[in-house]
């Protein structure tokens, strides 16, 4: 089975619970670390395809990771350059998934999950 078929497949479930957890361990001093953790859960009350699930999961994960990196930046635990680099990586990862979703589902269909009017 080709990956495009797998990503386009839906499992016909009516309630999709997607849980995401992000954990970042930072070295404070030699042999001393601090753990930053965040988690989120969303329930989608309609059937979704694999690529939709991946897109939603990655949006949630990017939001959590961005929040932790912003926290680390404000505490001086990472540099502005490290923050900007990670932000750029997150954006390009999401963009790649969105492009794949546009290919599989049709241009703009995945945009329904990007409701910025909340």
N, C-alpha and C. Protein backbone atom coordinates (compact mmCIF):
# COMPACT_ATOMS: atom_id res chain seq x y z
N UNK A 1 0.85 -1.18 0.00
CA UNK A 1 0.00 0.00 0.00
C UNK A 1 0.90 1.24 0.00
N UNK A 2 0.61 2.18 -0.82
CA UNK A 2 1.39 3.42 -0.94
C UNK A 2 1.05 4.38 0.21
N UNK A 3 2.03 5.18 0.58
CA UNK A 3 1.84 6.12 1.69
C UNK A 3 0.71 7.10 1.42
N UNK A 4 0.55 7.57 0.20
CA UNK A 4 -0.56 8.48 -0.11
C UNK A 4 -1.90 7.85 0.23
N UNK A 5 -2.05 6.54 -0.04
CA UNK A 5 -3.29 5.84 0.30
C UNK A 5 -3.46 5.74 1.80
N UNK A 6 -2.38 5.49 2.50
CA UNK A 6 -2.44 5.40 3.97
C UNK A 6 -2.83 6.75 4.56
N UNK A 7 -2.23 7.83 4.06
CA UNK A 7 -2.52 9.16 4.59
C UNK A 7 -3.92 9.64 4.22
N UNK A 8 -4.45 9.17 3.13
CA UNK A 8 -5.80 9.56 2.71
C UNK A 8 -6.88 8.74 3.40
N UNK A 9 -6.49 7.65 4.02
CA UNK A 9 -7.47 6.75 4.64
C UNK A 9 -8.08 7.35 5.90
N UNK A 10 -9.35 7.13 6.05
CA UNK A 10 -10.05 7.47 7.28
C UNK A 10 -10.43 6.16 7.96
N UNK A 11 -10.57 6.22 9.25
CA UNK A 11 -10.91 5.00 9.98
C UNK A 11 -12.38 4.96 10.38
N UNK A 12 -13.15 5.92 9.90
CA UNK A 12 -14.60 6.01 10.12
C UNK A 12 -15.00 6.19 11.58
N UNK A 13 -14.05 6.54 12.42
CA UNK A 13 -14.41 6.81 13.81
C UNK A 13 -15.07 8.19 13.89
N UNK A 14 -15.99 8.34 14.82
CA UNK A 14 -16.73 9.60 14.94
C UNK A 14 -16.07 10.58 15.91
N UNK A 15 -15.40 10.08 16.90
CA UNK A 15 -14.72 10.95 17.86
C UNK A 15 -13.23 10.65 17.83
N UNK A 16 -12.48 11.63 17.43
CA UNK A 16 -11.04 11.49 17.35
C UNK A 16 -10.40 12.30 18.47
N UNK A 17 -9.76 11.65 19.39
CA UNK A 17 -9.05 12.34 20.45
C UNK A 17 -7.57 12.30 20.08
N UNK A 18 -7.00 13.48 19.97
CA UNK A 18 -5.59 13.59 19.63
C UNK A 18 -4.88 14.21 20.82
N UNK A 19 -3.93 13.46 21.38
CA UNK A 19 -3.17 13.92 22.54
C UNK A 19 -1.73 14.18 22.11
N UNK A 20 -1.19 15.28 22.58
CA UNK A 20 0.17 15.65 22.25
C UNK A 20 0.88 16.06 23.53
N UNK A 21 2.13 15.63 23.65
CA UNK A 21 2.94 16.00 24.80
C UNK A 21 4.31 16.42 24.28
N UNK A 22 4.82 17.53 24.79
CA UNK A 22 6.16 17.98 24.41
C UNK A 22 6.98 18.13 25.68
N UNK A 23 8.19 17.61 25.63
CA UNK A 23 9.07 17.63 26.79
C UNK A 23 10.45 18.09 26.33
N UNK A 24 11.00 19.07 27.02
CA UNK A 24 12.33 19.59 26.70
C UNK A 24 13.15 19.57 27.97
N UNK A 25 14.30 18.91 27.92
CA UNK A 25 15.22 18.86 29.05
C UNK A 25 16.38 19.79 28.75
N UNK A 26 16.66 20.69 29.69
CA UNK A 26 17.70 21.69 29.50
C UNK A 26 18.77 21.49 30.55
N UNK A 27 20.02 21.55 30.11
CA UNK A 27 21.15 21.44 31.02
C UNK A 27 21.34 22.79 31.70
N UNK A 28 21.24 22.81 33.03
CA UNK A 28 21.40 24.05 33.80
C UNK A 28 22.88 24.22 34.18
N UNK A 29 23.43 23.23 34.80
CA UNK A 29 24.83 23.18 35.19
C UNK A 29 25.29 21.76 34.91
N UNK A 30 26.56 21.54 35.08
CA UNK A 30 27.05 20.17 34.92
C UNK A 30 26.24 19.23 35.81
N UNK A 31 25.67 18.21 35.22
CA UNK A 31 24.89 17.19 35.93
C UNK A 31 23.60 17.72 36.54
N UNK A 32 23.14 18.90 36.15
CA UNK A 32 21.87 19.43 36.66
C UNK A 32 21.00 19.85 35.48
N UNK A 33 19.83 19.24 35.41
CA UNK A 33 18.92 19.56 34.31
C UNK A 33 17.58 20.06 34.85
N UNK A 34 16.86 20.71 33.98
CA UNK A 34 15.49 21.13 34.28
C UNK A 34 14.61 20.67 33.13
N UNK A 35 13.45 20.14 33.48
CA UNK A 35 12.54 19.60 32.47
C UNK A 35 11.35 20.55 32.31
N UNK A 36 11.07 20.88 31.08
CA UNK A 36 9.90 21.70 30.74
C UNK A 36 8.96 20.80 29.97
N UNK A 37 7.70 20.77 30.40
CA UNK A 37 6.73 19.85 29.81
C UNK A 37 5.41 20.57 29.57
N UNK A 38 4.77 20.22 28.47
CA UNK A 38 3.43 20.74 28.18
C UNK A 38 2.66 19.66 27.42
N UNK A 39 1.36 19.63 27.64
CA UNK A 39 0.54 18.67 26.90
C UNK A 39 -0.79 19.29 26.54
N UNK A 40 -1.37 18.74 25.49
CA UNK A 40 -2.65 19.24 25.00
C UNK A 40 -3.45 18.08 24.44
N UNK A 41 -4.75 18.25 24.43
CA UNK A 41 -5.65 17.23 23.91
C UNK A 41 -6.78 17.93 23.18
N UNK A 42 -7.17 17.37 22.06
CA UNK A 42 -8.28 17.93 21.30
C UNK A 42 -9.18 16.78 20.84
N UNK A 43 -10.46 17.05 20.82
CA UNK A 43 -11.42 16.06 20.35
C UNK A 43 -12.07 16.60 19.07
N UNK A 44 -11.94 15.86 18.02
CA UNK A 44 -12.56 16.21 16.74
C UNK A 44 -13.76 15.29 16.58
N UNK A 45 -14.95 15.86 16.48
CA UNK A 45 -16.18 15.06 16.49
C UNK A 45 -16.69 14.69 15.10
N UNK A 46 -15.76 14.36 14.22
CA UNK A 46 -16.12 13.89 12.88
C UNK A 46 -15.01 12.98 12.39
N UNK A 47 -15.30 12.15 11.42
CA UNK A 47 -14.24 11.31 10.86
C UNK A 47 -13.18 12.17 10.17
N UNK A 48 -11.92 11.81 10.34
CA UNK A 48 -10.84 12.53 9.68
C UNK A 48 -9.88 11.52 9.02
N UNK A 49 -9.14 12.01 8.07
CA UNK A 49 -8.16 11.17 7.38
C UNK A 49 -6.84 11.18 8.15
N UNK A 50 -5.95 10.32 7.72
CA UNK A 50 -4.64 10.25 8.35
C UNK A 50 -3.88 11.56 8.25
N UNK A 51 -3.92 12.20 7.08
CA UNK A 51 -3.17 13.45 6.90
C UNK A 51 -3.79 14.56 7.75
N UNK A 52 -5.10 14.56 7.93
CA UNK A 52 -5.73 15.55 8.82
C UNK A 52 -5.26 15.33 10.26
N UNK A 53 -5.22 14.08 10.68
CA UNK A 53 -4.77 13.73 12.03
C UNK A 53 -3.33 14.20 12.24
N UNK A 54 -2.48 13.94 11.26
CA UNK A 54 -1.07 14.34 11.35
C UNK A 54 -0.95 15.86 11.41
N UNK A 55 -1.73 16.55 10.59
CA UNK A 55 -1.69 18.01 10.57
C UNK A 55 -2.11 18.60 11.92
N UNK A 56 -3.23 18.11 12.44
CA UNK A 56 -3.73 18.60 13.73
C UNK A 56 -2.71 18.32 14.83
N UNK A 57 -2.18 17.11 14.85
CA UNK A 57 -1.19 16.72 15.86
C UNK A 57 0.03 17.64 15.79
N UNK A 58 0.49 17.92 14.59
CA UNK A 58 1.67 18.75 14.45
C UNK A 58 1.42 20.22 14.77
N UNK A 59 0.22 20.71 14.51
CA UNK A 59 -0.13 22.08 14.92
C UNK A 59 -0.08 22.17 16.44
N UNK A 60 -0.71 21.22 17.12
CA UNK A 60 -0.70 21.21 18.59
C UNK A 60 0.72 21.12 19.13
N UNK A 61 1.50 20.23 18.56
CA UNK A 61 2.87 20.03 19.01
C UNK A 61 3.70 21.31 18.80
N UNK A 62 3.54 21.96 17.65
CA UNK A 62 4.27 23.20 17.37
C UNK A 62 3.88 24.30 18.36
N UNK A 63 2.61 24.39 18.70
CA UNK A 63 2.16 25.39 19.67
C UNK A 63 2.78 25.16 21.04
N UNK A 64 2.81 23.90 21.46
CA UNK A 64 3.40 23.57 22.76
C UNK A 64 4.90 23.85 22.77
N UNK A 65 5.56 23.41 21.73
CA UNK A 65 7.01 23.59 21.65
C UNK A 65 7.37 25.07 21.58
N UNK A 66 6.64 25.84 20.80
CA UNK A 66 6.88 27.28 20.70
C UNK A 66 6.74 27.94 22.07
N UNK A 67 5.70 27.55 22.80
CA UNK A 67 5.49 28.10 24.14
C UNK A 67 6.64 27.80 25.08
N UNK A 68 7.14 26.59 25.03
CA UNK A 68 8.27 26.22 25.89
C UNK A 68 9.52 26.97 25.47
N UNK A 69 9.77 27.06 24.17
CA UNK A 69 10.95 27.79 23.72
C UNK A 69 10.86 29.28 24.06
N UNK A 70 9.67 29.87 23.99
CA UNK A 70 9.49 31.27 24.40
C UNK A 70 9.81 31.43 25.89
N UNK A 71 9.37 30.46 26.69
CA UNK A 71 9.66 30.46 28.12
C UNK A 71 11.17 30.37 28.36
N UNK A 72 11.83 29.47 27.65
CA UNK A 72 13.28 29.32 27.79
C UNK A 72 14.01 30.61 27.39
N UNK A 73 13.54 31.25 26.34
CA UNK A 73 14.14 32.50 25.89
C UNK A 73 13.98 33.58 26.95
N UNK A 74 12.78 33.68 27.52
CA UNK A 74 12.53 34.72 28.54
C UNK A 74 13.36 34.50 29.80
N UNK A 75 13.74 33.25 30.06
CA UNK A 75 14.57 32.94 31.22
C UNK A 75 16.06 33.00 30.90
N UNK A 76 16.39 33.31 29.67
CA UNK A 76 17.78 33.39 29.26
C UNK A 76 18.46 32.03 29.12
N UNK A 77 17.67 30.98 28.95
CA UNK A 77 18.22 29.63 28.88
C UNK A 77 18.56 29.23 27.44
N UNK A 78 18.06 29.98 26.47
CA UNK A 78 18.44 29.82 25.07
C UNK A 78 18.64 31.21 24.50
N UNK A 79 19.34 31.28 23.38
CA UNK A 79 19.58 32.58 22.74
C UNK A 79 18.44 32.93 21.79
N UNK A 80 18.40 34.19 21.40
CA UNK A 80 17.42 34.64 20.42
C UNK A 80 17.62 33.88 19.11
N UNK A 81 18.85 33.61 18.75
CA UNK A 81 19.15 32.87 17.52
C UNK A 81 18.60 31.44 17.60
N UNK A 82 18.80 30.76 18.73
CA UNK A 82 18.27 29.40 18.89
C UNK A 82 16.74 29.40 18.80
N UNK A 83 16.12 30.41 19.42
CA UNK A 83 14.67 30.54 19.38
C UNK A 83 14.19 30.74 17.94
N UNK A 84 14.82 31.67 17.23
CA UNK A 84 14.43 31.97 15.85
C UNK A 84 14.63 30.76 14.94
N UNK A 85 15.71 30.03 15.15
CA UNK A 85 15.99 28.83 14.36
C UNK A 85 14.92 27.76 14.57
N UNK A 86 14.55 27.54 15.84
CA UNK A 86 13.54 26.52 16.13
C UNK A 86 12.18 26.93 15.57
N UNK A 87 11.85 28.22 15.68
CA UNK A 87 10.59 28.74 15.14
C UNK A 87 10.53 28.51 13.63
N UNK A 88 11.62 28.78 12.95
CA UNK A 88 11.68 28.58 11.50
C UNK A 88 11.51 27.11 11.14
N UNK A 89 12.13 26.24 11.91
CA UNK A 89 12.00 24.80 11.67
C UNK A 89 10.56 24.35 11.86
N UNK A 90 9.92 24.80 12.94
CA UNK A 90 8.52 24.44 13.19
C UNK A 90 7.64 24.89 12.03
N UNK A 91 7.85 26.12 11.57
CA UNK A 91 7.04 26.65 10.47
C UNK A 91 7.23 25.84 9.19
N UNK A 92 8.47 25.47 8.88
CA UNK A 92 8.70 24.71 7.64
C UNK A 92 8.16 23.29 7.75
N UNK A 93 8.20 22.69 8.95
CA UNK A 93 7.63 21.35 9.13
C UNK A 93 6.12 21.37 8.90
N UNK A 94 5.44 22.36 9.48
CA UNK A 94 3.99 22.49 9.31
C UNK A 94 3.66 22.76 7.84
N UNK A 95 4.44 23.61 7.20
CA UNK A 95 4.21 23.93 5.79
C UNK A 95 4.33 22.69 4.91
N UNK A 96 5.30 21.83 5.20
CA UNK A 96 5.47 20.59 4.42
C UNK A 96 4.26 19.68 4.58
N UNK A 97 3.75 19.58 5.78
CA UNK A 97 2.56 18.74 6.02
C UNK A 97 1.34 19.35 5.33
N UNK A 98 1.21 20.67 5.39
CA UNK A 98 0.10 21.35 4.74
C UNK A 98 0.14 21.14 3.23
N UNK A 99 1.33 21.22 2.65
CA UNK A 99 1.46 20.99 1.21
C UNK A 99 1.04 19.57 0.83
N UNK A 100 1.42 18.60 1.64
CA UNK A 100 1.02 17.21 1.39
C UNK A 100 -0.49 17.07 1.51
N UNK A 101 -1.07 17.72 2.52
CA UNK A 101 -2.53 17.67 2.71
C UNK A 101 -3.24 18.32 1.53
N UNK A 102 -2.71 19.44 1.03
CA UNK A 102 -3.31 20.09 -0.14
C UNK A 102 -3.27 19.17 -1.35
N UNK A 103 -2.21 18.41 -1.48
CA UNK A 103 -2.08 17.46 -2.59
C UNK A 103 -3.11 16.32 -2.46
N UNK A 104 -3.25 15.80 -1.26
CA UNK A 104 -4.14 14.65 -1.05
C UNK A 104 -5.61 15.01 -0.96
N UNK A 105 -5.92 16.13 -0.31
CA UNK A 105 -7.31 16.48 -0.02
C UNK A 105 -7.88 17.55 -0.95
N UNK A 106 -7.02 18.25 -1.64
CA UNK A 106 -7.44 19.39 -2.45
C UNK A 106 -6.98 20.67 -1.77
N UNK A 107 -6.56 21.61 -2.58
CA UNK A 107 -6.00 22.86 -2.08
C UNK A 107 -6.97 23.56 -1.13
N UNK A 108 -6.48 23.90 0.05
CA UNK A 108 -7.24 24.69 1.02
C UNK A 108 -8.15 23.90 1.94
N UNK A 109 -8.39 22.61 1.68
CA UNK A 109 -9.31 21.84 2.54
C UNK A 109 -8.81 21.77 3.98
N UNK A 110 -7.51 21.62 4.16
CA UNK A 110 -6.94 21.49 5.50
C UNK A 110 -7.01 22.81 6.27
N UNK A 111 -7.25 23.91 5.56
CA UNK A 111 -7.28 25.23 6.20
C UNK A 111 -8.41 25.37 7.23
N UNK A 112 -9.40 24.49 7.17
CA UNK A 112 -10.49 24.57 8.16
C UNK A 112 -9.96 24.39 9.59
N UNK A 113 -8.78 23.76 9.73
CA UNK A 113 -8.20 23.57 11.05
C UNK A 113 -7.33 24.74 11.48
N UNK A 114 -7.26 25.77 10.64
CA UNK A 114 -6.46 26.95 10.95
C UNK A 114 -7.35 28.15 11.25
N UNK A 115 -8.38 27.94 12.01
CA UNK A 115 -9.32 29.00 12.34
C UNK A 115 -8.64 30.02 13.25
N UNK A 116 -8.27 31.13 12.66
CA UNK A 116 -7.60 32.18 13.44
C UNK A 116 -8.60 33.22 13.96
N UNK A 117 -9.87 32.96 13.80
CA UNK A 117 -10.91 33.90 14.23
C UNK A 117 -11.49 33.55 15.60
N UNK A 118 -10.78 32.77 16.38
CA UNK A 118 -11.28 32.32 17.69
C UNK A 118 -11.34 33.46 18.65
